[in-house]
C-alpha atoms as a PDB file:
ATOM      1  CA  MET A   1     167.666  14.326  93.754  1.00  0.00           C
ATOM      2  CA  SER A   2     164.595  12.923  95.287  1.00  0.00           C
ATOM      3  CA  LEU A   3     165.905  13.451  98.695  1.00  0.00           C
ATOM      4  CA  PHE A   4     167.728  16.578  98.114  1.00  0.00           C
ATOM      5  CA  LEU A   5     163.895  18.051  97.085  1.00  0.00           C
ATOM      6  CA  PHE A   6     162.569  15.953  99.889  1.00  0.00           C
ATOM      7  CA  LYS A   7     164.148  18.283 102.507  1.00  0.00           C
ATOM      8  CA  ARG A   8     164.028  21.339 101.207  1.00  0.00           C
ATOM      9  CA  PHE A   9     159.972  20.562 100.255  1.00  0.00           C
ATOM     10  CA  VAL A  10     160.163  20.024 104.329  1.00  0.00           C
ATOM     11  CA  THR A  11     161.699  23.052 105.249  1.00  0.00           C
ATOM     12  CA  LEU A  12     159.162  25.087 103.066  1.00  0.00           C
ATOM     13  CA  ILE A  13     156.414  23.663 104.739  1.00  0.00           C
ATOM     14  CA  ALA A  14     157.607  23.942 108.254  1.00  0.00           C
ATOM     15  CA  THR A  15     158.940  27.950 106.953  1.00  0.00           C
ATOM     16  CA  LEU A  16     154.770  28.679 105.898  1.00  0.00           C
ATOM     17  CA  ILE A  17     153.946  26.833 109.371  1.00  0.00           C
ATOM     18  CA  GLY A  18     155.978  29.380 111.414  1.00  0.00           C
ATOM     19  CA  ALA A  19     154.883  32.662 108.949  1.00  0.00           C
ATOM     20  CA  SER A  20     151.342  32.191 109.577  1.00  0.00           C
ATOM     21  CA  VAL A  21     151.903  31.957 113.564  1.00  0.00           C
ATOM     22  CA  ILE A  22     153.909  35.500 113.115  1.00  0.00           C
ATOM     23  CA  VAL A  23     151.625  36.981 111.023  1.00  0.00           C
ATOM     24  CA  PHE A  24     148.299  35.573 113.192  1.00  0.00           C
ATOM     25  CA  LEU A  25     150.473  36.578 116.433  1.00  0.00           C
ATOM     26  CA  VAL A  26     151.228  40.133 115.019  1.00  0.00           C
ATOM     27  CA  LEU A  27     147.638  41.252 113.778  1.00  0.00           C
ATOM     28  CA  GLU A  28     145.951  39.922 117.063  1.00  0.00           C
ATOM     29  CA  ILE A  29     148.688  42.152 119.253  1.00  0.00           C
ATOM     30  CA  LEU A  30     147.771  45.349 116.991  1.00  0.00           C
ATOM     31  CA  PRO A  31     145.612  47.823 119.337  1.00  0.00           C
ATOM     32  CA  GLY A  32     141.907  48.905 118.505  1.00  0.00           C
ATOM     33  CA  ASN A  33     138.643  46.800 117.411  1.00  0.00           C
ATOM     34  CA  ALA A  34     137.499  45.952 113.840  1.00  0.00           C
ATOM     35  CA  ALA A  35     133.918  46.073 114.888  1.00  0.00           C
ATOM     36  CA  GLN A  36     134.325  49.375 116.135  1.00  0.00           C
ATOM     37  CA  MET A  37     135.963  50.484 113.330  1.00  0.00           C
ATOM     38  CA  LEU A  38     133.628  49.376 111.177  1.00  0.00           C
ATOM     39  CA  MET A  39     130.175  50.712 113.135  1.00  0.00           C
ATOM     40  CA  GLY A  40     132.017  54.029 113.799  1.00  0.00           C
ATOM     41  CA  PRO A  41     133.076  56.315 116.849  1.00  0.00           C
ATOM     42  CA  ASP A  42     129.411  56.464 118.083  1.00  0.00           C
ATOM     43  CA  ALA A  43     127.978  53.443 118.075  1.00  0.00           C
ATOM     44  CA  SER A  44     126.778  51.772 121.172  1.00  0.00           C
ATOM     45  CA  PRO A  45     128.261  49.354 123.129  1.00  0.00           C
ATOM     46  CA  GLU A  46     125.620  46.444 122.482  1.00  0.00           C
ATOM     47  CA  ALA A  47     126.452  47.378 118.409  1.00  0.00           C
ATOM     48  CA  VAL A  48     129.962  46.728 118.390  1.00  0.00           C
ATOM     49  CA  ALA A  49     129.455  43.646 120.027  1.00  0.00           C
ATOM     50  CA  ALA A  50     126.852  42.104 118.366  1.00  0.00           C
ATOM     51  CA  LEU A  51     129.137  42.794 114.702  1.00  0.00           C
ATOM     52  CA  ALA A  52     132.130  41.359 117.024  1.00  0.00           C
ATOM     53  CA  ALA A  53     130.164  38.095 117.429  1.00  0.00           C
ATOM     54  CA  LYS A  54     128.924  37.879 113.708  1.00  0.00           C
ATOM     55  CA  LEU A  55     132.304  38.388 112.578  1.00  0.00           C
ATOM     56  CA  GLY A  56     133.920  35.743 115.197  1.00  0.00           C
ATOM     57  CA  LEU A  57     135.801  38.366 116.911  1.00  0.00           C
ATOM     58  CA  ASN A  58     134.862  36.787 119.942  1.00  0.00           C
ATOM     59  CA  GLN A  59     136.373  33.595 120.192  1.00  0.00           C
ATOM     60  CA  PRO A  60     139.605  32.515 121.634  1.00  0.00           C
ATOM     61  CA  ALA A  61     142.600  33.536 119.680  1.00  0.00           C
ATOM     62  CA  TRP A  62     143.885  30.027 118.756  1.00  0.00           C
ATOM     63  CA  THR A  63     140.038  29.058 117.826  1.00  0.00           C
ATOM     64  CA  ARG A  64     139.789  31.832 115.472  1.00  0.00           C
ATOM     65  CA  TYR A  65     143.492  30.929 114.740  1.00  0.00           C
ATOM     66  CA  TRP A  66     142.772  27.052 113.402  1.00  0.00           C
ATOM     67  CA  GLN A  67     139.306  28.211 111.790  1.00  0.00           C
ATOM     68  CA  TRP A  68     141.971  30.019 109.678  1.00  0.00           C
ATOM     69  CA  ILE A  69     144.310  27.639 108.895  1.00  0.00           C
ATOM     70  CA  GLY A  70     141.483  25.373 107.124  1.00  0.00           C
ATOM     71  CA  GLY A  71     140.411  28.232 105.448  1.00  0.00           C
ATOM     72  CA  LEU A  72     143.558  28.459 103.898  1.00  0.00           C
ATOM     73  CA  LEU A  73     144.204  25.018 103.209  1.00  0.00           C
ATOM     74  CA  THR A  74     140.380  24.734 101.623  1.00  0.00           C
ATOM     75  CA  GLY A  75     140.223  27.847  99.398  1.00  0.00           C
ATOM     76  CA  ASP A  76     137.824  29.875 102.370  1.00  0.00           C
ATOM     77  CA  LEU A  77     139.241  33.076 103.260  1.00  0.00           C
ATOM     78  CA  GLY A  78     136.264  34.228 104.807  1.00  0.00           C
ATOM     79  CA  ASP A  79     134.938  37.117 103.737  1.00  0.00           C
ATOM     80  CA  SER A  80     135.885  40.758 104.132  1.00  0.00           C
ATOM     81  CA  TYR A  81     134.789  43.292 106.909  1.00  0.00           C
ATOM     82  CA  ALA A  82     134.717  46.484 104.571  1.00  0.00           C
ATOM     83  CA  TYR A  83     134.103  44.944 101.623  1.00  0.00           C
ATOM     84  CA  SER A  84     131.299  42.596 102.711  1.00  0.00           C
ATOM     85  CA  THR A  85     132.964  40.025  99.490  1.00  0.00           C
ATOM     86  CA  PRO A  86     134.922  37.061  99.940  1.00  0.00           C
ATOM     87  CA  VAL A  87     138.398  37.565 100.392  1.00  0.00           C
ATOM     88  CA  ILE A  88     139.859  35.045  97.861  1.00  0.00           C
ATOM     89  CA  GLU A  89     137.356  36.723  95.096  1.00  0.00           C
ATOM     90  CA  LEU A  90     139.323  40.974  96.184  1.00  0.00           C
ATOM     91  CA  VAL A  91     142.721  38.677  96.018  1.00  0.00           C
ATOM     92  CA  LEU A  92     142.600  36.624  92.817  1.00  0.00           C
ATOM     93  CA  GLU A  93     141.217  40.013  91.191  1.00  0.00           C
ATOM     94  CA  ARG A  94     144.237  42.167  92.021  1.00  0.00           C
ATOM     95  CA  LEU A  95     146.812  38.983  91.799  1.00  0.00           C
ATOM     96  CA  SER A  96     146.109  39.592  88.118  1.00  0.00           C
ATOM     97  CA  LEU A  97     147.521  43.020  87.866  1.00  0.00           C
ATOM     98  CA  THR A  98     150.434  42.169  91.055  1.00  0.00           C
ATOM     99  CA  VAL A  99     151.674  39.233  89.448  1.00  0.00           C
ATOM    100  CA  PRO A 100     152.528  40.942  86.291  1.00  0.00           C
ATOM    101  CA  LEU A 101     153.673  44.011  87.276  1.00  0.00           C
ATOM    102  CA  ALA A 102     156.000  41.698  89.566  1.00  0.00           C
ATOM    103  CA  LEU A 103     157.154  39.538  87.086  1.00  0.00           C
ATOM    104  CA  LEU A 104     157.699  42.147  84.009  1.00  0.00           C
ATOM    105  CA  ALA A 105     159.657  44.270  86.737  1.00  0.00           C
ATOM    106  CA  MET A 106     161.971  41.631  87.490  1.00  0.00           C
ATOM    107  CA  ALA A 107     162.371  40.635  83.291  1.00  0.00           C
ATOM    108  CA  PHE A 108     163.391  43.908  83.189  1.00  0.00           C
ATOM    109  CA  THR A 109     165.763  43.803  86.246  1.00  0.00           C
ATOM    110  CA  THR A 110     167.256  40.470  84.543  1.00  0.00           C
ATOM    111  CA  VAL A 111     168.017  42.147  81.218  1.00  0.00           C
ATOM    112  CA  LEU A 112     169.515  45.343  82.329  1.00  0.00           C
ATOM    113  CA  ALA A 113     171.386  43.714  85.109  1.00  0.00           C
ATOM    114  CA  LEU A 114     173.375  40.994  83.151  1.00  0.00           C
ATOM    115  CA  LEU A 115     174.043  43.081  80.256  1.00  0.00           C
ATOM    116  CA  VAL A 116     175.713  45.746  82.844  1.00  0.00           C
ATOM    117  CA  GLY A 117     177.129  43.502  84.771  1.00  0.00           C
ATOM    118  CA  VAL A 118     179.200  41.219  82.391  1.00  0.00           C
ATOM    119  CA  THR A 119     179.721  44.185  79.918  1.00  0.00           C
ATOM    120  CA  ALA A 120     181.936  46.029  82.812  1.00  0.00           C
ATOM    121  CA  ALA A 121     183.114  42.753  83.603  1.00  0.00           C
ATOM    122  CA  ALA A 122     184.227  42.820  80.356  1.00  0.00           C
ATOM    123  CA  ARG A 123     185.578  45.923  80.132  1.00  0.00           C
ATOM    124  CA  HIS A 124     186.966  45.889  83.792  1.00  0.00           C
ATOM    125  CA  ASN A 125     188.942  48.953  85.033  1.00  0.00           C
ATOM    126  CA  LYS A 126     188.519  50.562  82.029  1.00  0.00           C
ATOM    127  CA  LEU A 127     186.343  53.432  81.349  1.00  0.00           C
ATOM    128  CA  GLY A 128     182.904  51.356  80.492  1.00  0.00           C
ATOM    129  CA  ASP A 129     183.767  49.991  83.851  1.00  0.00           C
ATOM    130  CA  VAL A 130     184.183  52.779  86.228  1.00  0.00           C
ATOM    131  CA  GLY A 131     180.720  54.801  83.904  1.00  0.00           C
ATOM    132  CA  LEU A 132     178.546  51.651  84.474  1.00  0.00           C
ATOM    133  CA  MET A 133     179.399  51.647  87.678  1.00  0.00           C
ATOM    134  CA  GLY A 134     178.790  54.307  88.445  1.00  0.00           C
ATOM    135  CA  LEU A 135     175.303  54.690  87.146  1.00  0.00           C
ATOM    136  CA  THR A 136     174.753  51.782  89.250  1.00  0.00           C
ATOM    137  CA  GLN A 137     175.460  53.808  92.283  1.00  0.00           C
ATOM    138  CA  VAL A 138     173.123  56.413  91.241  1.00  0.00           C
ATOM    139  CA  GLY A 139     170.619  53.947  91.077  1.00  0.00           C
ATOM    140  CA  ILE A 140     170.925  52.410  94.394  1.00  0.00           C
ATOM    141  CA  ALA A 141     170.479  55.525  95.609  1.00  0.00           C
ATOM    142  CA  ILE A 142     167.128  56.791  93.998  1.00  0.00           C
ATOM    143  CA  PRO A 143     164.094  55.394  96.238  1.00  0.00           C
ATOM    144  CA  ASN A 144     161.572  53.931  93.644  1.00  0.00           C
ATOM    145  CA  PHE A 145     158.506  55.884  94.846  1.00  0.00           C
ATOM    146  CA  TRP A 146     161.001  59.011  93.712  1.00  0.00           C
ATOM    147  CA  PHE A 147     161.821  57.476  90.811  1.00  0.00           C
ATOM    148  CA  ALA A 148     158.144  56.475  89.848  1.00  0.00           C
ATOM    149  CA  ILE A 149     157.208  60.139  90.316  1.00  0.00           C
ATOM    150  CA  LEU A 150     159.986  61.513  87.652  1.00  0.00           C
ATOM    151  CA  LEU A 151     158.877  58.884  85.366  1.00  0.00           C
ATOM    152  CA  ILE A 152     155.137  60.244  85.425  1.00  0.00           C
ATOM    153  CA  LEU A 153     156.161  63.933  84.842  1.00  0.00           C
ATOM    154  CA  VAL A 154     158.227  62.694  82.081  1.00  0.00           C
ATOM    155  CA  PHE A 155     156.911  60.284  80.036  1.00  0.00           C
ATOM    156  CA  SER A 156     152.782  61.219  81.141  1.00  0.00           C
ATOM    157  CA  VAL A 157     153.132  65.287  81.448  1.00  0.00           C
ATOM    158  CA  GLN A 158     155.739  66.504  79.251  1.00  0.00           C
ATOM    159  CA  LEU A 159     155.519  63.637  76.727  1.00  0.00           C
ATOM    160  CA  GLN A 160     152.243  62.133  76.795  1.00  0.00           C
ATOM    161  CA  TRP A 161     152.921  58.743  75.802  1.00  0.00           C
ATOM    162  CA  PHE A 162     151.545  56.729  78.838  1.00  0.00           C
ATOM    163  CA  SER A 163     149.057  57.241  81.345  1.00  0.00           C
ATOM    164  CA  ALA A 164     149.639  58.737  84.538  1.00  0.00           C
ATOM    165  CA  GLY A 165     148.261  55.709  86.165  1.00  0.00           C
ATOM    166  CA  GLY A 166     144.715  53.264  86.520  1.00  0.00           C
ATOM    167  CA  PHE A 167     144.664  50.184  85.015  1.00  0.00           C
ATOM    168  CA  GLU A 168     141.692  49.109  82.432  1.00  0.00           C
ATOM    169  CA  GLY A 169     142.228  45.967  82.554  1.00  0.00           C
ATOM    170  CA  TRP A 170     143.169  42.921  80.300  1.00  0.00           C
ATOM    171  CA  ASP A 171     139.867  43.242  78.313  1.00  0.00           C
ATOM    172  CA  ASP A 172     141.137  46.154  76.166  1.00  0.00           C
ATOM    173  CA  GLY A 173     144.225  43.131  75.109  1.00  0.00           C
ATOM    174  CA  VAL A 174     147.666  42.071  76.791  1.00  0.00           C
ATOM    175  CA  LEU A 175     149.626  45.076  74.881  1.00  0.00           C
ATOM    176  CA  ALA A 176     147.393  47.621  76.293  1.00  0.00           C
ATOM    177  CA  GLY A 177     147.517  46.516  79.535  1.00  0.00           C
ATOM    178  CA  LEU A 178     151.616  46.088  79.221  1.00  0.00           C
ATOM    179  CA  LYS A 179     151.576  49.261  78.301  1.00  0.00           C
ATOM    180  CA  ALA A 180     150.024  50.815  81.273  1.00  0.00           C
ATOM    181  CA  LEU A 181     152.385  48.584  83.858  1.00  0.00           C
ATOM    182  CA  LEU A 182     155.487  49.919  81.450  1.00  0.00           C
ATOM    183  CA  LEU A 183     155.969  53.022  83.615  1.00  0.00           C
ATOM    184  CA  PRO A 184     155.416  50.972  87.354  1.00  0.00           C
ATOM    185  CA  ALA A 185     157.543  48.092  86.497  1.00  0.00           C
ATOM    186  CA  LEU A 186     160.677  50.675  85.590  1.00  0.00           C
ATOM    187  CA  SER A 187     159.944  52.532  88.514  1.00  0.00           C
ATOM    188  CA  LEU A 188     160.073  48.846  90.494  1.00  0.00           C
ATOM    189  CA  ALA A 189     163.208  47.503  88.284  1.00  0.00           C
ATOM    190  CA  VAL A 190     165.833  50.312  88.205  1.00  0.00           C
ATOM    191  CA  VAL A 191     167.073  49.893  92.242  1.00  0.00           C
ATOM    192  CA  GLN A 192     167.327  45.779  91.593  1.00  0.00           C
ATOM    193  CA  ALA A 193     168.927  46.384  88.631  1.00  0.00           C
ATOM    194  CA  ALA A 194     171.150  48.642  89.763  1.00  0.00           C
ATOM    195  CA  ILE A 195     172.199  45.627  92.786  1.00  0.00           C
ATOM    196  CA  LEU A 196     172.139  43.044  90.627  1.00  0.00           C
ATOM    197  CA  ALA A 197     174.281  44.184  87.833  1.00  0.00           C
ATOM    198  CA  ARG A 198     177.277  44.536  90.689  1.00  0.00           C
ATOM    199  CA  ILE A 199     176.923  41.422  91.804  1.00  0.00           C
ATOM    200  CA  THR A 200     176.798  39.673  88.042  1.00  0.00           C
ATOM    201  CA  ARG A 201     179.999  42.156  87.550  1.00  0.00           C
ATOM    202  CA  SER A 202     182.015  40.365  90.926  1.00  0.00           C
ATOM    203  CA  ALA A 203     180.674  37.412  90.348  1.00  0.00           C
ATOM    204  CA  VAL A 204     181.731  37.099  86.533  1.00  0.00           C
ATOM    205  CA  LEU A 205     184.924  38.714  87.156  1.00  0.00           C
ATOM    206  CA  GLU A 206     185.628  35.730  89.635  1.00  0.00           C
ATOM    207  CA  VAL A 207     184.750  33.415  87.327  1.00  0.00           C
ATOM    208  CA  MET A 208     187.219  34.670  84.576  1.00  0.00           C
ATOM    209  CA  ARG A 209     189.934  33.822  86.819  1.00  0.00           C
ATOM    210  CA  GLU A 210     189.220  30.632  86.651  1.00  0.00           C
ATOM    211  CA  ASP A 211     191.769  27.983  84.653  1.00  0.00           C
ATOM    212  CA  PHE A 212     188.845  26.882  82.313  1.00  0.00           C
ATOM    213  CA  VAL A 213     188.330  30.416  81.363  1.00  0.00           C
ATOM    214  CA  ARG A 214     192.001  30.644  80.378  1.00  0.00           C
ATOM    215  CA  THR A 215     191.740  26.727  78.525  1.00  0.00           C
ATOM    216  CA  ALA A 216     188.815  27.982  76.315  1.00  0.00           C
ATOM    217  CA  ARG A 217     190.851  31.262  75.092  1.00  0.00           C
ATOM    218  CA  ALA A 218     193.644  29.596  74.298  1.00  0.00           C
ATOM    219  CA  LYS A 219     191.803  26.904  72.077  1.00  0.00           C
ATOM    220  CA  GLY A 220     190.632  29.867  70.082  1.00  0.00           C
ATOM    221  CA  VAL A 221     187.130  30.873  71.754  1.00  0.00           C
ATOM    222  CA  SER A 222     185.658  34.332  71.144  1.00  0.00           C
ATOM    223  CA  GLN A 223     185.305  36.534  74.081  1.00  0.00           C
ATOM    224  CA  ARG A 224     181.696  37.181  73.325  1.00  0.00           C
ATOM    225  CA  ALA A 225     181.191  33.224  73.773  1.00  0.00           C
ATOM    226  CA  VAL A 226     183.449  33.248  76.725  1.00  0.00           C
ATOM    227  CA  LEU A 227     181.476  35.821  78.560  1.00  0.00           C
ATOM    228  CA  TRP A 228     178.078  34.220  77.622  1.00  0.00           C
ATOM    229  CA  THR A 229     178.491  30.690  77.227  1.00  0.00           C
ATOM    230  CA  HIS A 230     180.998  29.469  79.992  1.00  0.00           C
ATOM    231  CA  VAL A 231     181.077  31.980  82.543  1.00  0.00           C
ATOM    232  CA  LEU A 232     177.796  33.829  83.026  1.00  0.00           C
ATOM    233  CA  ARG A 233     176.922  29.881  83.648  1.00  0.00           C
ATOM    234  CA  ASN A 234     179.441  29.225  86.052  1.00  0.00           C
ATOM    235  CA  ALA A 235     178.189  32.682  88.241  1.00  0.00           C
ATOM    236  CA  MET A 236     174.833  32.311  88.290  1.00  0.00           C
ATOM    237  CA  ILE A 237     174.900  31.224  91.457  1.00  0.00           C
ATOM    238  CA  PRO A 238     175.313  34.269  93.751  1.00  0.00           C
ATOM    239  CA  VAL A 239     173.196  35.662  91.205  1.00  0.00           C
ATOM    240  CA  ILE A 240     170.014  33.678  91.523  1.00  0.00           C
ATOM    241  CA  THR A 241     170.378  34.277  94.868  1.00  0.00           C
ATOM    242  CA  VAL A 242     169.912  37.955  95.030  1.00  0.00           C
ATOM    243  CA  MET A 243     167.184  37.365  91.695  1.00  0.00           C
ATOM    244  CA  GLY A 244     165.236  35.385  94.647  1.00  0.00           C
ATOM    245  CA  MET A 245     165.433  37.893  97.452  1.00  0.00           C
ATOM    246  CA  GLN A 246     164.653  41.044  94.067  1.00  0.00           C
ATOM    247  CA  PHE A 247     161.415  38.841  93.471  1.00  0.00           C
ATOM    248  CA  SER A 248     160.421  38.592  96.895  1.00  0.00           C
ATOM    249  CA  GLU A 249     161.649  42.412  97.199  1.00  0.00           C
ATOM    250  CA  LEU A 250     159.221  43.674  94.237  1.00  0.00           C
ATOM    251  CA  LEU A 251     156.168  42.081  95.233  1.00  0.00           C
ATOM    252  CA  ALA A 252     156.455  43.681  98.540  1.00  0.00           C
ATOM    253  CA  GLY A 253     157.477  47.111  96.795  1.00  0.00           C
ATOM    254  CA  THR A 254     154.287  46.857  94.496  1.00  0.00           C
ATOM    255  CA  ILE A 255     152.453  48.864  97.722  1.00  0.00           C
ATOM    256  CA  VAL A 256     154.666  51.711  97.478  1.00  0.00           C
ATOM    257  CA  VAL A 257     154.410  51.988  93.564  1.00  0.00           C
ATOM    258  CA  GLU A 258     150.248  50.858  92.745  1.00  0.00           C
ATOM    259  CA  ASN A 259     149.458  53.481  95.325  1.00  0.00           C
ATOM    260  CA  VAL A 260     151.839  56.028  93.195  1.00  0.00           C
ATOM    261  CA  PHE A 261     150.459  54.808  89.798  1.00  0.00           C
ATOM    262  CA  TYR A 262     146.700  54.268  91.390  1.00  0.00           C
ATOM    263  CA  LEU A 263     146.839  50.843  90.275  1.00  0.00           C
ATOM    264  CA  PRO A 264     143.896  48.362  91.997  1.00  0.00           C
ATOM    265  CA  GLY A 265     146.672  45.655  92.973  1.00  0.00           C
ATOM    266  CA  LEU A 266     147.149  43.457  95.284  1.00  0.00           C
ATOM    267  CA  GLY A 267     149.546  46.182  97.272  1.00  0.00           C
ATOM    268  CA  ARG A 268     146.621  48.993  97.491  1.00  0.00           C
ATOM    269  CA  LEU A 269     144.500  46.348  98.364  1.00  0.00           C
ATOM    270  CA  ILE A 270     146.534  45.729 101.556  1.00  0.00           C
ATOM    271  CA  PHE A 271     147.061  49.829 101.887  1.00  0.00           C
ATOM    272  CA  GLN A 272     143.295  49.680 102.003  1.00  0.00           C
ATOM    273  CA  ALA A 273     142.592  47.030 104.350  1.00  0.00           C
ATOM    274  CA  ILE A 274     145.158  48.533 106.783  1.00  0.00           C
ATOM    275  CA  SER A 275     143.214  52.116 106.827  1.00  0.00           C
ATOM    276  CA  ASN A 276     139.729  49.875 107.392  1.00  0.00           C
ATOM    277  CA  ARG A 277     141.365  47.962 109.487  1.00  0.00           C
ATOM    278  CA  ASP A 278     139.801  45.066 107.717  1.00  0.00           C
ATOM    279  CA  LEU A 279     142.184  42.618 109.244  1.00  0.00           C
ATOM    280  CA  ILE A 280     141.203  39.628 107.727  1.00  0.00           C
ATOM    281  CA  VAL A 281     141.887  41.046 103.948  1.00  0.00           C
ATOM    282  CA  VAL A 282     144.997  42.245 105.911  1.00  0.00           C
ATOM    283  CA  ARG A 283     145.911  38.549 107.437  1.00  0.00           C
ATOM    284  CA  ASN A 284     145.320  36.758 104.163  1.00  0.00           C
ATOM    285  CA  CYS A 285     147.372  39.170 101.696  1.00  0.00           C
ATOM    286  CA  VAL A 286     150.339  39.228 104.032  1.00  0.00           C
ATOM    287  CA  MET A 287     150.157  35.548 104.141  1.00  0.00           C
ATOM    288  CA  LEU A 288     149.939  35.203 100.497  1.00  0.00           C
ATOM    289  CA  LEU A 289     152.829  37.363 100.509  1.00  0.00           C
ATOM    290  CA  ALA A 290     155.464  35.563 102.942  1.00  0.00           C
ATOM    291  CA  ALA A 291     154.292  31.922 100.668  1.00  0.00           C
ATOM    292  CA  MET A 292     155.358  33.890  97.479  1.00  0.00           C
ATOM    293  CA  VAL A 293     158.853  34.504  98.852  1.00  0.00           C
ATOM    294  CA  VAL A 294     159.093  31.058 101.189  1.00  0.00           C
ATOM    295  CA  ILE A 295     158.360  29.358  97.271  1.00  0.00           C
ATOM    296  CA  VAL A 296     160.345  31.491  95.753  1.00  0.00           C
ATOM    297  CA  ASN A 297     163.578  30.477  97.687  1.00  0.00           C
ATOM    298  CA  PHE A 298     162.495  26.686  96.823  1.00  0.00           C
ATOM    299  CA  VAL A 299     162.914  27.365  93.546  1.00  0.00           C
ATOM    300  CA  VAL A 300     166.066  28.992  94.365  1.00  0.00           C
ATOM    301  CA  ASP A 301     167.200  25.900  95.715  1.00  0.00           C
ATOM    302  CA  VAL A 302     165.997  23.765  92.985  1.00  0.00           C
ATOM    303  CA  LEU A 303     168.214  25.665  90.274  1.00  0.00           C
ATOM    304  CA  TYR A 304     171.143  25.620  92.757  1.00  0.00           C
ATOM    305  CA  ALA A 305     171.144  21.694  92.210  1.00  0.00           C
ATOM    306  CA  VAL A 306     170.274  22.359  87.946  1.00  0.00           C
ATOM    307  CA  ILE A 307     173.123  24.814  87.778  1.00  0.00           C
ATOM    308  CA  ASP A 308     176.027  23.433  89.319  1.00  0.00           C
ATOM    309  CA  PRO A 309     175.384  19.255  90.572  1.00  0.00           C
ATOM    310  CA  ARG A 310     177.916  19.796  93.366  1.00  0.00           C
ATOM    311  CA  ILE A 311     175.210  21.516  95.719  1.00  0.00           C
ATOM    312  CA  LYS A 312     173.129  19.022  95.417  1.00  0.00           C
ATOM    313  CA  ALA A 313     175.568  16.203  96.159  1.00  0.00           C
ATOM    314  CA  SER A 314     177.154  17.883  99.017  1.00  0.00           C
ATOM    315  CA  ASP A 315     173.547  18.555 100.600  1.00  0.00           C
ATOM    316  CA  ILE A 316     172.369  15.107  99.884  1.00  0.00           C
END
């Protein structure tokens, strides 16, 4: 197990290094000048050059890259060009909304997908199966931003059960904060739940054909116990794979949904930083999202070995 984790950890570090190089180079080749953007189109070349020197933009690219990596390792991400505030403070403040939003959306996704997928598999080729798979097809076709607007029209404008947007923070209590994130989380979860439900159904149907399932039924184990105790665990390998990718998509999807609901999260910060050409904020936020994706994939690999020891043994 130690060798398995070591190999996966080395892969994680190598991937993070590659991602940092790509993120830095992509932002370097973008047209425009951050100093010019901050000073305005009417600023003199001398003033723009002075601001560029102050921000360190006149240094060679490789020097700025190593300074950035050193800052990442020490927690010093620099100051935002637009806000004149340490980037780490901006990121931590926005993560207090984005991470709970993504986790809540992932919880909705998992519960809905497992219920629909297992139920559809238990009623294979029956009316319930056809109806549930039809609903998942509709869910896949719905863009999350359109569904977000629909939720606002129904639950905020018509029924007035929820606020149409904004987030007052966690000072008013956890329940108040979760209530504000409920509609955004549902809008993020509906498409991912539809995809995961179809994967779950296929995986459960494949496992249900195994000999041990017939043996369990022959011993008198109930259909419910067979499905939720024996079949589902053995069907979780492909499901967990998709869940890992979906959590990454949920983090990226917050950029659109947070703007629809006017939520002050990481996605909205990235959108505003791109508009202001605040490259230091964009670079660190994108790298943070990339790191989250890589770490989630690492956790998924570890869960593989926990669920199915054969994967760990074959890898070692």
